[in-house]
Amino acid sequence: MVLNALCQSPVSQGMTPPEAVANTVELAKTCDTLGYHRFWVAEHHSDEALASGAPEVLVAHLATVTERIRVGAGGMLLPYHSPFHIAEQYNLLATLFPERIDLGMGRGGGSERHAPQALGVRSPGPQAFDAMDQLLAYLGPGSSRRDYPDTFASPVPERAADPWVLGTSVSSARFAADRGLPYAFGGFLDPRGLSACLSTYHQHFRPGVVDRPRVNIAWYVQAAETEAEANHLTRTSEHYLVQSLLRGQNGPFQDPDTLDPSAYGPMEQMALAMYRQYALVGTAEQVVEGLRSLQQQTLADELTLVTIPFDHQARLRSYAMIAEAA
C-alpha cells in the first residue's frame, strides 16, 4: 500500500495554536522517516480546533525540514484565493523543491464565523470549478483557458506541482474525470458518497494531466496497543464531530477522560454510530487489515490517514505502528 498522512494542526484543550503547528512539523518529520509517501496539510480559518490557516506557508517549511516525502496542501480552498496567486505560490514551491510538491484543490468549507467574508470569499459551486480551470491553466506553461494569454505565473518550473481534485461529491469526481486529473476523496469528512464518486470518476475519466485514473482516499484511523485504548482515544474526534457539526460550537479537541458518551442525544448517537462504522480503529494489525480491505474494494492507488487523538504522542505512535504493521 501507498500510505500518506494528512494533518490539520489539531489544537487540544490546554494547547496553544503555535504548539499545534510545531506538532505538525514533528509529525511530518516522523512520517518522512517512516516511509510515508505524501504529507498534506489543510486549510481552516478562525477555527479554535485547527491551526492551519496558511497551508502554502507551512508546505514551504515542511519541504525544508524533510528529505524525501512529498508535501502539499490538502487542500487550497479556491473560493478564498486568486487562482493566479496560488499558481505563483506553487510554481515557486515546485521550483524550490522539484518533484516534491502537491496541490490539492478544494471548493469550500474550512472556515468559522465570518472568516469567508474576511477572506473576500466567492460563492462556491460552478465558480469554484471555473477557478480550478484558471489555476490549472496558470500552472506550468499555461494553456488556452487563461483569461489573459499574455500573463503567466512566474517562475515557471520544469515540472509543476502535482494537482489533485479534492471532494466528496459526484460533481467534484466528474470534474476530475473530465480534466484527466487525480482525484482525492475525503472519506474522513463524509464517506457516504464513496461508491458513487469513484464510479463516476472511473466511468467518465479521460486522459489529461494523468493518463489513467488515480485515486487517493483519505480515511480516519486510530491505532493503539489495544483495541480498547484505540476506542478510548477516538472519543476525542467523535466529540469534535458532535461539538462542531451537530452543536455548532467552535472549540478545541477535548481530553477523552473528561467525556461522557451517555450525554449525547439520540441524533448525536446515530451520527456517532455511522462515524464508528467507517473509521478504522483498533490495533495496528486491525487498522492495516481494514486499510487493505478498503484498497481492495475501491482499487485506490493511495490511502491518506487522518488521526486526531487528544495526545500528540498517541498520534505519533499510531502512525509509527501502522507503518510498521504495513
C-alpha atoms as a PDB file:
ATOM      1  CA  MET A   1       0.000   0.000   0.000  1.00  0.00           C
ATOM      2  CA  VAL A   2       0.995   3.573  -0.650  1.00  0.00           C
ATOM      3  CA  LEU A   3       0.277   5.404   2.597  1.00  0.00           C
ATOM      4  CA  ASN A   4       0.068   9.161   3.117  1.00  0.00           C
ATOM      5  CA  ALA A   5      -0.713  11.447   6.057  1.00  0.00           C
ATOM      6  CA  LEU A   6      -2.985  14.480   6.346  1.00  0.00           C
ATOM      7  CA  CYS A   7      -2.553  16.874   9.269  1.00  0.00           C
ATOM      8  CA  GLN A   8      -4.948  19.701  10.139  1.00  0.00           C
ATOM      9  CA  SER A   9      -2.783  21.000  13.021  1.00  0.00           C
ATOM     10  CA  PRO A  10      -5.305  19.989  15.709  1.00  0.00           C
ATOM     11  CA  VAL A  11      -5.421  22.082  18.881  1.00  0.00           C
ATOM     12  CA  SER A  12      -6.195  20.128  22.049  1.00  0.00           C
ATOM     13  CA  GLN A  13      -7.605  21.728  25.207  1.00  0.00           C
ATOM     14  CA  GLY A  14      -4.731  23.434  27.035  1.00  0.00           C
ATOM     15  CA  MET A  15      -2.554  23.563  23.901  1.00  0.00           C
ATOM     16  CA  THR A  16      -1.686  26.766  22.059  1.00  0.00           C
ATOM     17  CA  PRO A  17      -2.023  27.027  18.249  1.00  0.00           C
ATOM     18  CA  PRO A  18       1.768  27.527  17.874  1.00  0.00           C
ATOM     19  CA  GLU A  19       2.256  24.245  19.752  1.00  0.00           C
ATOM     20  CA  ALA A  20      -0.185  22.581  17.353  1.00  0.00           C
ATOM     21  CA  VAL A  21       1.831  23.815  14.372  1.00  0.00           C
ATOM     22  CA  ALA A  22       5.044  22.558  15.993  1.00  0.00           C
ATOM     23  CA  ASN A  23       3.364  19.163  16.388  1.00  0.00           C
ATOM     24  CA  THR A  24       2.557  19.168  12.670  1.00  0.00           C
ATOM     25  CA  VAL A  25       6.220  19.754  11.885  1.00  0.00           C
ATOM     26  CA  GLU A  26       7.251  16.900  14.176  1.00  0.00           C
ATOM     27  CA  LEU A  27       4.676  14.593  12.592  1.00  0.00           C
ATOM     28  CA  ALA A  28       5.908  15.452   9.092  1.00  0.00           C
ATOM     29  CA  LYS A  29       9.490  14.612  10.057  1.00  0.00           C
ATOM     30  CA  THR A  30       8.304  11.364  11.621  1.00  0.00           C
ATOM     31  CA  CYS A  31       6.293  10.359   8.545  1.00  0.00           C
ATOM     32  CA  ASP A  32       9.287  11.179   6.345  1.00  0.00           C
ATOM     33  CA  THR A  33      11.406   8.772   8.394  1.00  0.00           C
ATOM     34  CA  LEU A  34       8.687   6.111   8.490  1.00  0.00           C
ATOM     35  CA  GLY A  35       8.354   5.953   4.701  1.00  0.00           C
ATOM     36  CA  TYR A  36       5.003   7.652   4.129  1.00  0.00           C
ATOM     37  CA  HIS A  37       4.669   8.868   0.533  1.00  0.00           C
ATOM     38  CA  ARG A  38       2.881  12.225   0.967  1.00  0.00           C
ATOM     39  CA  PHE A  39       2.252  14.631   3.813  1.00  0.00           C
ATOM     40  CA  TRP A  40      -0.585  17.089   3.263  1.00  0.00           C
ATOM     41  CA  VAL A  41      -1.744  19.993   5.396  1.00  0.00           C
ATOM     42  CA  ALA A  42      -5.210  21.529   5.379  1.00  0.00           C
ATOM     43  CA  GLU A  43      -6.737  24.995   5.179  1.00  0.00           C
ATOM     44  CA  HIS A  44      -9.010  26.160   8.000  1.00  0.00           C
ATOM     45  CA  HIS A  45      -9.811  29.678   9.128  1.00  0.00           C
ATOM     46  CA  SER A  46     -10.879  31.073  12.516  1.00  0.00           C
ATOM     47  CA  ASP A  47     -11.210  27.534  13.877  1.00  0.00           C
ATOM     48  CA  GLU A  48     -10.208  27.071  17.518  1.00  0.00           C
ATOM     49  CA  ALA A  49      -9.578  23.359  16.951  1.00  0.00           C
ATOM     50  CA  LEU A  50      -7.487  23.528  13.768  1.00  0.00           C
ATOM     51  CA  ALA A  51      -4.476  25.858  13.459  1.00  0.00           C
ATOM     52  CA  SER A  52      -3.923  25.561   9.717  1.00  0.00           C
ATOM     53  CA  GLY A  53      -4.783  28.873   8.112  1.00  0.00           C
ATOM     54  CA  ALA A  54      -1.958  29.208   5.553  1.00  0.00           C
ATOM     55  CA  PRO A  55      -1.043  25.844   4.012  1.00  0.00           C
ATOM     56  CA  GLU A  56       1.198  27.379   1.348  1.00  0.00           C
ATOM     57  CA  VAL A  57       3.493  28.767   4.077  1.00  0.00           C
ATOM     58  CA  LEU A  58       3.523  25.537   6.054  1.00  0.00           C
ATOM     59  CA  VAL A  59       4.241  23.474   2.910  1.00  0.00           C
ATOM     60  CA  ALA A  60       7.362  25.541   2.272  1.00  0.00           C
ATOM     61  CA  HIS A  61       8.649  24.942   5.785  1.00  0.00           C
ATOM     62  CA  LEU A  62       7.831  21.221   5.776  1.00  0.00           C
ATOM     63  CA  ALA A  63       9.621  20.722   2.482  1.00  0.00           C
ATOM     64  CA  THR A  64      12.678  22.367   4.026  1.00  0.00           C
ATOM     65  CA  VAL A  65      12.796  20.229   7.173  1.00  0.00           C
ATOM     66  CA  THR A  66      12.054  16.883   5.462  1.00  0.00           C
ATOM     67  CA  GLU A  67      14.180  15.000   2.967  1.00  0.00           C
ATOM     68  CA  ARG A  68      12.142  12.628   0.829  1.00  0.00           C
ATOM     69  CA  ILE A  69       8.411  12.808   1.432  1.00  0.00           C
ATOM     70  CA  ARG A  70       6.148  14.762  -0.941  1.00  0.00           C
ATOM     71  CA  VAL A  71       4.431  17.677   0.780  1.00  0.00           C
ATOM     72  CA  GLY A  72       1.428  19.684  -0.242  1.00  0.00           C
ATOM     73  CA  ALA A  73      -1.953  21.171   0.510  1.00  0.00           C
ATOM     74  CA  GLY A  74      -4.940  19.010   1.062  1.00  0.00           C
ATOM     75  CA  GLY A  75      -6.056  21.448   0.072  1.00  0.00           C
ATOM     76  CA  MET A  76      -6.128  25.039  -1.080  1.00  0.00           C
ATOM     77  CA  LEU A  77      -9.739  26.257  -0.984  1.00  0.00           C
ATOM     78  CA  LEU A  78     -10.358  28.032  -4.283  1.00  0.00           C
ATOM     79  CA  PRO A  79     -13.162  30.401  -3.194  1.00  0.00           C
ATOM     80  CA  TYR A  80     -10.724  32.041  -0.762  1.00  0.00           C
ATOM     81  CA  HIS A  81      -7.881  32.770  -3.203  1.00  0.00           C
ATOM     82  CA  SER A  82      -6.912  34.177  -6.555  1.00  0.00           C
ATOM     83  CA  PRO A  83      -6.094  31.237  -8.859  1.00  0.00           C
ATOM     84  CA  PHE A  84      -3.246  33.238 -10.370  1.00  0.00           C
ATOM     85  CA  HIS A  85      -1.701  33.887  -6.954  1.00  0.00           C
ATOM     86  CA  ILE A  86      -1.961  30.204  -5.967  1.00  0.00           C
ATOM     87  CA  ALA A  87      -0.221  29.297  -9.230  1.00  0.00           C
ATOM     88  CA  GLU A  88       2.609  31.725  -8.456  1.00  0.00           C
ATOM     89  CA  GLN A  89       2.994  30.293  -4.962  1.00  0.00           C
ATOM     90  CA  TYR A  90       3.053  26.672  -6.073  1.00  0.00           C
ATOM     91  CA  ASN A  91       5.205  27.314  -9.126  1.00  0.00           C
ATOM     92  CA  LEU A  92       7.748  28.822  -6.743  1.00  0.00           C
ATOM     93  CA  LEU A  93       7.433  25.845  -4.379  1.00  0.00           C
ATOM     94  CA  ALA A  94       7.863  23.423  -7.295  1.00  0.00           C
ATOM     95  CA  THR A  95      10.958  25.358  -8.371  1.00  0.00           C
ATOM     96  CA  LEU A  96      12.478  25.279  -4.903  1.00  0.00           C
ATOM     97  CA  PHE A  97      11.566  21.627  -4.228  1.00  0.00           C
ATOM     98  CA  PRO A  98      11.445  19.818  -7.601  1.00  0.00           C
ATOM     99  CA  GLU A  99       9.048  16.846  -7.829  1.00  0.00           C
ATOM    100  CA  ARG A 100       8.076  17.073  -4.148  1.00  0.00           C
ATOM    101  CA  ILE A 101       5.097  19.455  -4.171  1.00  0.00           C
ATOM    102  CA  ASP A 102       1.391  18.547  -4.378  1.00  0.00           C
ATOM    103  CA  LEU A 103      -1.506  20.945  -4.842  1.00  0.00           C
ATOM    104  CA  GLY A 104      -4.902  19.701  -3.701  1.00  0.00           C
ATOM    105  CA  MET A 105      -7.767  21.905  -4.878  1.00  0.00           C
ATOM    106  CA  GLY A 106     -10.965  22.187  -2.842  1.00  0.00           C
ATOM    107  CA  ARG A 107     -14.197  24.095  -3.369  1.00  0.00           C
ATOM    108  CA  GLY A 108     -15.264  25.273   0.080  1.00  0.00           C
ATOM    109  CA  GLY A 109     -15.640  24.735   3.797  1.00  0.00           C
ATOM    110  CA  GLY A 110     -12.797  25.130   6.243  1.00  0.00           C
ATOM    111  CA  SER A 111     -13.911  28.329   7.943  1.00  0.00           C
ATOM    112  CA  GLU A 112     -15.782  29.517  11.012  1.00  0.00           C
ATOM    113  CA  ARG A 113     -17.858  32.602  11.855  1.00  0.00           C
ATOM    114  CA  HIS A 114     -17.243  35.474   9.410  1.00  0.00           C
ATOM    115  CA  ALA A 115     -13.943  34.150   8.059  1.00  0.00           C
ATOM    116  CA  PRO A 116     -15.325  33.786   4.493  1.00  0.00           C
ATOM    117  CA  GLN A 117     -16.359  37.436   4.460  1.00  0.00           C
ATOM    118  CA  ALA A 118     -13.000  38.466   5.889  1.00  0.00           C
ATOM    119  CA  LEU A 119     -11.306  36.490   3.122  1.00  0.00           C
ATOM    120  CA  GLY A 120     -13.466  38.031   0.401  1.00  0.00           C
ATOM    121  CA  VAL A 121     -14.916  34.624  -0.459  1.00  0.00           C
ATOM    122  CA  ARG A 122     -16.572  33.972  -3.796  1.00  0.00           C
ATOM    123  CA  SER A 123     -19.660  31.781  -3.912  1.00  0.00           C
ATOM    124  CA  PRO A 124     -18.834  28.052  -4.106  1.00  0.00           C
ATOM    125  CA  GLY A 125     -20.237  25.852  -6.841  1.00  0.00           C
ATOM    126  CA  PRO A 126     -19.644  26.318 -10.579  1.00  0.00           C
ATOM    127  CA  GLN A 127     -17.491  29.408  -9.965  1.00  0.00           C
ATOM    128  CA  ALA A 128     -15.100  27.294  -7.930  1.00  0.00           C
ATOM    129  CA  PHE A 129     -14.737  24.853 -10.830  1.00  0.00           C
ATOM    130  CA  ASP A 130     -14.023  27.824 -13.105  1.00  0.00           C
ATOM    131  CA  ALA A 131     -11.361  28.907 -10.645  1.00  0.00           C
ATOM    132  CA  MET A 132      -9.829  25.428 -10.799  1.00  0.00           C
ATOM    133  CA  ASP A 133      -9.651  25.685 -14.584  1.00  0.00           C
ATOM    134  CA  GLN A 134      -7.929  29.052 -14.263  1.00  0.00           C
ATOM    135  CA  LEU A 135      -5.468  27.660 -11.724  1.00  0.00           C
ATOM    136  CA  LEU A 136      -4.648  24.660 -13.898  1.00  0.00           C
ATOM    137  CA  ALA A 137      -4.078  26.968 -16.839  1.00  0.00           C
ATOM    138  CA  TYR A 138      -1.566  29.057 -14.913  1.00  0.00           C
ATOM    139  CA  LEU A 139       0.399  26.102 -13.542  1.00  0.00           C
ATOM    140  CA  GLY A 140       3.466  25.231 -15.602  1.00  0.00           C
ATOM    141  CA  PRO A 141       3.418  26.762 -19.109  1.00  0.00           C
ATOM    142  CA  GLY A 142      -0.319  27.502 -19.002  1.00  0.00           C
ATOM    143  CA  SER A 143      -2.919  26.855 -21.694  1.00  0.00           C
ATOM    144  CA  SER A 144      -5.572  28.484 -23.860  1.00  0.00           C
ATOM    145  CA  ARG A 145      -8.018  28.502 -20.923  1.00  0.00           C
ATOM    146  CA  ARG A 146      -6.305  31.550 -19.412  1.00  0.00           C
ATOM    147  CA  ASP A 147      -8.355  34.758 -19.366  1.00  0.00           C
ATOM    148  CA  TYR A 148      -5.196  36.740 -20.004  1.00  0.00           C
ATOM    149  CA  PRO A 149      -2.942  34.897 -22.507  1.00  0.00           C
ATOM    150  CA  ASP A 150      -0.135  37.424 -22.003  1.00  0.00           C
ATOM    151  CA  THR A 151       0.058  36.667 -18.274  1.00  0.00           C
ATOM    152  CA  PHE A 152       1.982  33.771 -16.722  1.00  0.00           C
ATOM    153  CA  ALA A 153       2.696  32.608 -13.184  1.00  0.00           C
ATOM    154  CA  SER A 154       6.406  33.036 -12.578  1.00  0.00           C
ATOM    155  CA  PRO A 155       8.668  31.214 -12.036  1.00  0.00           C
ATOM    156  CA  VAL A 156       7.624  28.521 -14.497  1.00  0.00           C
ATOM    157  CA  PRO A 157       9.111  25.272 -13.101  1.00  0.00           C
ATOM    158  CA  GLU A 158      10.407  22.397 -15.173  1.00  0.00           C
ATOM    159  CA  ARG A 159       7.591  20.351 -13.643  1.00  0.00           C
ATOM    160  CA  ALA A 160       4.565  21.906 -11.976  1.00  0.00           C
ATOM    161  CA  ALA A 161       3.190  20.823  -8.623  1.00  0.00           C
ATOM    162  CA  ASP A 162       1.041  17.716  -8.953  1.00  0.00           C
ATOM    163  CA  PRO A 163      -2.616  18.857  -8.958  1.00  0.00           C
ATOM    164  CA  TRP A 164      -5.347  16.862  -7.205  1.00  0.00           C
ATOM    165  CA  VAL A 165      -9.079  17.499  -7.130  1.00  0.00           C
ATOM    166  CA  LEU A 166     -10.441  17.071  -3.596  1.00  0.00           C
ATOM    167  CA  GLY A 167     -14.054  16.284  -2.885  1.00  0.00           C
ATOM    168  CA  THR A 168     -16.838  14.135  -1.511  1.00  0.00           C
ATOM    169  CA  SER A 169     -19.424  14.831  -4.230  1.00  0.00           C
ATOM    170  CA  VAL A 170     -20.204  13.397  -7.639  1.00  0.00           C
ATOM    171  CA  SER A 171     -19.695  16.837  -9.199  1.00  0.00           C
ATOM    172  CA  SER A 172     -16.086  17.006  -7.983  1.00  0.00           C
ATOM    173  CA  ALA A 173     -15.456  13.453  -9.219  1.00  0.00           C
ATOM    174  CA  ARG A 174     -16.902  14.320 -12.628  1.00  0.00           C
ATOM    175  CA  PHE A 175     -14.760  17.457 -12.888  1.00  0.00           C
ATOM    176  CA  ALA A 176     -11.615  15.450 -12.107  1.00  0.00           C
ATOM    177  CA  ALA A 177     -12.598  12.794 -14.649  1.00  0.00           C
ATOM    178  CA  ASP A 178     -13.347  15.291 -17.420  1.00  0.00           C
ATOM    179  CA  ARG A 179      -9.992  17.039 -16.909  1.00  0.00           C
ATOM    180  CA  GLY A 180      -7.987  13.840 -16.527  1.00  0.00           C
ATOM    181  CA  LEU A 181      -6.880  14.812 -13.018  1.00  0.00           C
ATOM    182  CA  PRO A 182      -6.075  12.679  -9.958  1.00  0.00           C
ATOM    183  CA  TYR A 183      -8.961  12.525  -7.500  1.00  0.00           C
ATOM    184  CA  ALA A 184      -8.720  12.537  -3.695  1.00  0.00           C
ATOM    185  CA  PHE A 185     -11.892  11.501  -1.881  1.00  0.00           C
ATOM    186  CA  GLY A 186     -12.296  12.970   1.628  1.00  0.00           C
ATOM    187  CA  GLY A 187     -13.754   9.936   3.327  1.00  0.00           C
ATOM    188  CA  PHE A 188     -12.784  11.207   6.781  1.00  0.00           C
ATOM    189  CA  LEU A 189     -15.188  14.116   6.211  1.00  0.00           C
ATOM    190  CA  ASP A 190     -18.140  12.233   4.708  1.00  0.00           C
ATOM    191  CA  PRO A 191     -17.678   8.651   3.490  1.00  0.00           C
ATOM    192  CA  ARG A 192     -21.245   8.107   2.305  1.00  0.00           C
ATOM    193  CA  GLY A 193     -20.624   9.115  -1.313  1.00  0.00           C
ATOM    194  CA  LEU A 194     -17.565   6.913  -1.806  1.00  0.00           C
ATOM    195  CA  SER A 195     -19.066   4.398  -4.253  1.00  0.00           C
ATOM    196  CA  ALA A 196     -20.951   6.978  -6.304  1.00  0.00           C
ATOM    197  CA  CYS A 197     -17.934   9.287  -6.573  1.00  0.00           C
ATOM    198  CA  LEU A 198     -15.468   6.589  -7.573  1.00  0.00           C
ATOM    199  CA  SER A 199     -17.916   5.076 -10.078  1.00  0.00           C
ATOM    200  CA  THR A 200     -18.417   8.489 -11.672  1.00  0.00           C
ATOM    201  CA  TYR A 201     -14.690   9.160 -11.752  1.00  0.00           C
ATOM    202  CA  HIS A 202     -13.769   5.870 -13.402  1.00  0.00           C
ATOM    203  CA  GLN A 203     -16.712   5.860 -15.812  1.00  0.00           C
ATOM    204  CA  HIS A 204     -16.078   9.346 -17.183  1.00  0.00           C
ATOM    205  CA  PHE A 205     -12.279   9.561 -16.948  1.00  0.00           C
ATOM    206  CA  ARG A 206     -10.495  10.908 -19.995  1.00  0.00           C
ATOM    207  CA  PRO A 207      -6.685  11.085 -20.160  1.00  0.00           C
ATOM    208  CA  GLY A 208      -5.386  14.565 -19.433  1.00  0.00           C
ATOM    209  CA  VAL A 209      -2.908  15.563 -16.748  1.00  0.00           C
ATOM    210  CA  VAL A 210      -2.588  11.840 -15.978  1.00  0.00           C
ATOM    211  CA  ASP A 211      -3.126   9.059 -18.498  1.00  0.00           C
ATOM    212  CA  ARG A 212      -5.184   6.799 -16.226  1.00  0.00           C
ATOM    213  CA  PRO A 213      -7.463   7.230 -13.197  1.00  0.00           C
ATOM    214  CA  ARG A 214      -5.590   7.875  -9.973  1.00  0.00           C
ATOM    215  CA  VAL A 215      -7.498   7.677  -6.705  1.00  0.00           C
ATOM    216  CA  ASN A 216      -6.404   8.726  -3.240  1.00  0.00           C
ATOM    217  CA  ILE A 217      -8.808   8.011  -0.365  1.00  0.00           C
ATOM    218  CA  ALA A 218      -8.457   9.924   2.912  1.00  0.00           C
ATOM    219  CA  TRP A 219      -9.792   7.941   5.895  1.00  0.00           C
ATOM    220  CA  TYR A 220      -9.920   8.336   9.644  1.00  0.00           C
ATOM    221  CA  VAL A 221      -7.768   5.801  11.511  1.00  0.00           C
ATOM    222  CA  GLN A 222      -6.561   5.324  15.074  1.00  0.00           C
ATOM    223  CA  ALA A 223      -4.142   2.617  16.137  1.00  0.00           C
ATOM    224  CA  ALA A 224      -3.034   1.793  19.677  1.00  0.00           C
ATOM    225  CA  GLU A 225      -1.575  -1.088  21.634  1.00  0.00           C
ATOM    226  CA  THR A 226      -5.057  -2.448  22.341  1.00  0.00           C
ATOM    227  CA  GLU A 227      -8.438  -2.083  20.689  1.00  0.00           C
ATOM    228  CA  ALA A 228      -9.886  -0.676  23.919  1.00  0.00           C
ATOM    229  CA  GLU A 229      -7.244   2.037  24.080  1.00  0.00           C
ATOM    230  CA  ALA A 230      -7.784   2.954  20.427  1.00  0.00           C
ATOM    231  CA  ASN A 231     -11.528   3.300  21.015  1.00  0.00           C
ATOM    232  CA  HIS A 232     -10.870   5.456  24.052  1.00  0.00           C
ATOM    233  CA  LEU A 233      -8.544   7.746  22.073  1.00  0.00           C
ATOM    234  CA  THR A 234     -11.138   8.084  19.312  1.00  0.00           C
ATOM    235  CA  ARG A 235     -13.621   9.658  21.734  1.00  0.00           C
ATOM    236  CA  THR A 236     -11.805  12.947  21.168  1.00  0.00           C
ATOM    237  CA  SER A 237     -12.562  13.104  17.444  1.00  0.00           C
ATOM    238  CA  GLU A 238     -16.070  11.745  17.992  1.00  0.00           C
ATOM    239  CA  HIS A 239     -16.819  14.543  20.431  1.00  0.00           C
ATOM    240  CA  TYR A 240     -15.441  17.078  17.969  1.00  0.00           C
ATOM    241  CA  LEU A 241     -17.896  15.759  15.377  1.00  0.00           C
ATOM    242  CA  VAL A 242     -20.773  16.339  17.802  1.00  0.00           C
ATOM    243  CA  GLN A 243     -19.424  19.662  19.020  1.00  0.00           C
ATOM    244  CA  SER A 244     -18.676  21.256  15.644  1.00  0.00           C
ATOM    245  CA  LEU A 245     -21.089  19.740  13.136  1.00  0.00           C
ATOM    246  CA  LEU A 246     -24.130  18.980  15.271  1.00  0.00           C
ATOM    247  CA  ARG A 247     -23.989  21.623  18.010  1.00  0.00           C
ATOM    248  CA  GLY A 248     -22.327  24.406  16.038  1.00  0.00           C
ATOM    249  CA  GLN A 249     -19.692  25.032  18.710  1.00  0.00           C
ATOM    250  CA  ASN A 250     -16.176  26.229  17.919  1.00  0.00           C
ATOM    251  CA  GLY A 251     -13.727  24.825  20.459  1.00  0.00           C
ATOM    252  CA  PRO A 252     -10.554  22.737  20.804  1.00  0.00           C
ATOM    253  CA  PHE A 253     -10.323  18.953  20.996  1.00  0.00           C
ATOM    254  CA  GLN A 254     -11.203  17.523  24.396  1.00  0.00           C
ATOM    255  CA  ASP A 255      -9.498  15.014  26.684  1.00  0.00           C
ATOM    256  CA  PRO A 256     -11.323  11.657  26.341  1.00  0.00           C
ATOM    257  CA  ASP A 257     -11.009  11.116  30.094  1.00  0.00           C
ATOM    258  CA  THR A 258     -13.386  14.052  30.616  1.00  0.00           C
ATOM    259  CA  LEU A 259     -16.025  12.978  28.078  1.00  0.00           C
ATOM    260  CA  ASP A 260     -19.237  11.115  28.891  1.00  0.00           C
ATOM    261  CA  PRO A 261     -20.685   9.337  25.815  1.00  0.00           C
ATOM    262  CA  SER A 262     -24.018   8.909  27.605  1.00  0.00           C
ATOM    263  CA  ALA A 263     -24.502  12.693  27.464  1.00  0.00           C
ATOM    264  CA  TYR A 264     -25.166  12.615  23.706  1.00  0.00           C
ATOM    265  CA  GLY A 265     -28.738  12.821  22.454  1.00  0.00           C
ATOM    266  CA  PRO A 266     -30.391  10.246  20.148  1.00  0.00           C
ATOM    267  CA  MET A 267     -29.475  12.056  16.904  1.00  0.00           C
ATOM    268  CA  GLU A 268     -25.923  12.542  18.111  1.00  0.00           C
ATOM    269  CA  GLN A 269     -25.688   8.855  18.994  1.00  0.00           C
ATOM    270  CA  MET A 270     -26.869   7.958  15.480  1.00  0.00           C
ATOM    271  CA  ALA A 271     -24.258  10.221  13.898  1.00  0.00           C
ATOM    272  CA  LEU A 272     -21.506   8.673  16.029  1.00  0.00           C
ATOM    273  CA  ALA A 273     -22.684   5.160  15.138  1.00  0.00           C
ATOM    274  CA  MET A 274     -22.200   5.992  11.463  1.00  0.00           C
ATOM    275  CA  TYR A 275     -18.819   7.537  12.232  1.00  0.00           C
ATOM    276  CA  ARG A 276     -17.657   4.376  14.012  1.00  0.00           C
ATOM    277  CA  GLN A 277     -18.940   2.234  11.139  1.00  0.00           C
ATOM    278  CA  TYR A 278     -16.467   3.828   8.739  1.00  0.00           C
ATOM    279  CA  ALA A 279     -13.495   4.757  10.951  1.00  0.00           C
ATOM    280  CA  LEU A 280     -10.717   2.190  11.258  1.00  0.00           C
ATOM    281  CA  VAL A 281      -9.931   1.914  14.967  1.00  0.00           C
ATOM    282  CA  GLY A 282      -8.018  -0.811  16.791  1.00  0.00           C
ATOM    283  CA  THR A 283      -4.585  -2.352  16.974  1.00  0.00           C
ATOM    284  CA  ALA A 284      -2.165  -1.595  14.158  1.00  0.00           C
ATOM    285  CA  GLU A 285      -2.821  -5.019  12.658  1.00  0.00           C
ATOM    286  CA  GLN A 286      -6.584  -4.422  12.711  1.00  0.00           C
ATOM    287  CA  VAL A 287      -6.197  -0.987  11.117  1.00  0.00           C
ATOM    288  CA  VAL A 288      -3.900  -2.282   8.385  1.00  0.00           C
ATOM    289  CA  GLU A 289      -6.302  -5.130   7.670  1.00  0.00           C
ATOM    290  CA  GLY A 290      -9.074  -2.568   7.294  1.00  0.00           C
ATOM    291  CA  LEU A 291      -6.924  -0.421   5.007  1.00  0.00           C
ATOM    292  CA  ARG A 292      -6.120  -3.406   2.795  1.00  0.00           C
ATOM    293  CA  SER A 293      -9.804  -4.234   2.569  1.00  0.00           C
ATOM    294  CA  LEU A 294     -10.632  -0.625   1.672  1.00  0.00           C
ATOM    295  CA  GLN A 295      -7.978  -0.639  -1.018  1.00  0.00           C
ATOM    296  CA  GLN A 296      -9.206  -3.926  -2.477  1.00  0.00           C
ATOM    297  CA  GLN A 297     -12.813  -2.743  -2.532  1.00  0.00           C
ATOM    298  CA  THR A 298     -12.052   0.600  -4.166  1.00  0.00           C
ATOM    299  CA  LEU A 299      -8.868  -0.150  -6.157  1.00  0.00           C
ATOM    300  CA  ALA A 300      -7.435   3.037  -4.663  1.00  0.00           C
ATOM    301  CA  ASP A 301      -3.889   3.890  -5.667  1.00  0.00           C
ATOM    302  CA  GLU A 302      -3.133   5.594  -2.358  1.00  0.00           C
ATOM    303  CA  LEU A 303      -4.601   5.884   1.130  1.00  0.00           C
ATOM    304  CA  THR A 304      -4.233   9.016   3.249  1.00  0.00           C
ATOM    305  CA  LEU A 305      -4.520   8.594   7.005  1.00  0.00           C
ATOM    306  CA  VAL A 306      -6.128  11.165   9.305  1.00  0.00           C
ATOM    307  CA  THR A 307      -5.607  10.645  13.045  1.00  0.00           C
ATOM    308  CA  ILE A 308      -6.584  13.113  15.793  1.00  0.00           C
ATOM    309  CA  PRO A 309      -6.320  11.898  19.392  1.00  0.00           C
ATOM    310  CA  PHE A 310      -6.081  14.345  22.283  1.00  0.00           C
ATOM    311  CA  ASP A 311      -2.449  13.468  22.958  1.00  0.00           C
ATOM    312  CA  HIS A 312       0.108  14.252  20.252  1.00  0.00           C
ATOM    313  CA  GLN A 313       2.356  11.372  21.332  1.00  0.00           C
ATOM    314  CA  ALA A 314      -0.529   8.954  20.788  1.00  0.00           C
ATOM    315  CA  ARG A 315      -0.840  10.308  17.249  1.00  0.00           C
ATOM    316  CA  LEU A 316       2.865   9.787  16.567  1.00  0.00           C
ATOM    317  CA  ARG A 317       2.651   6.227  17.896  1.00  0.00           C
ATOM    318  CA  SER A 318      -0.382   5.487  15.720  1.00  0.00           C
ATOM    319  CA  TYR A 319       1.375   6.482  12.506  1.00  0.00           C
ATOM    320  CA  ALA A 320       4.507   4.582  13.526  1.00  0.00           C
ATOM    321  CA  MET A 321       2.629   1.408  14.454  1.00  0.00           C
ATOM    322  CA  ILE A 322       0.636   1.418  11.207  1.00  0.00           C
ATOM    323  CA  ALA A 323       3.777   1.957   9.119  1.00  0.00           C
ATOM    324  CA  GLU A 324       5.491  -0.958  10.857  1.00  0.00           C
ATOM    325  CA  ALA A 325       2.466  -3.257  10.515  1.00  0.00           C
ATOM    326  CA  ALA A 326       2.040  -2.386   6.842  1.00  0.00           C
END
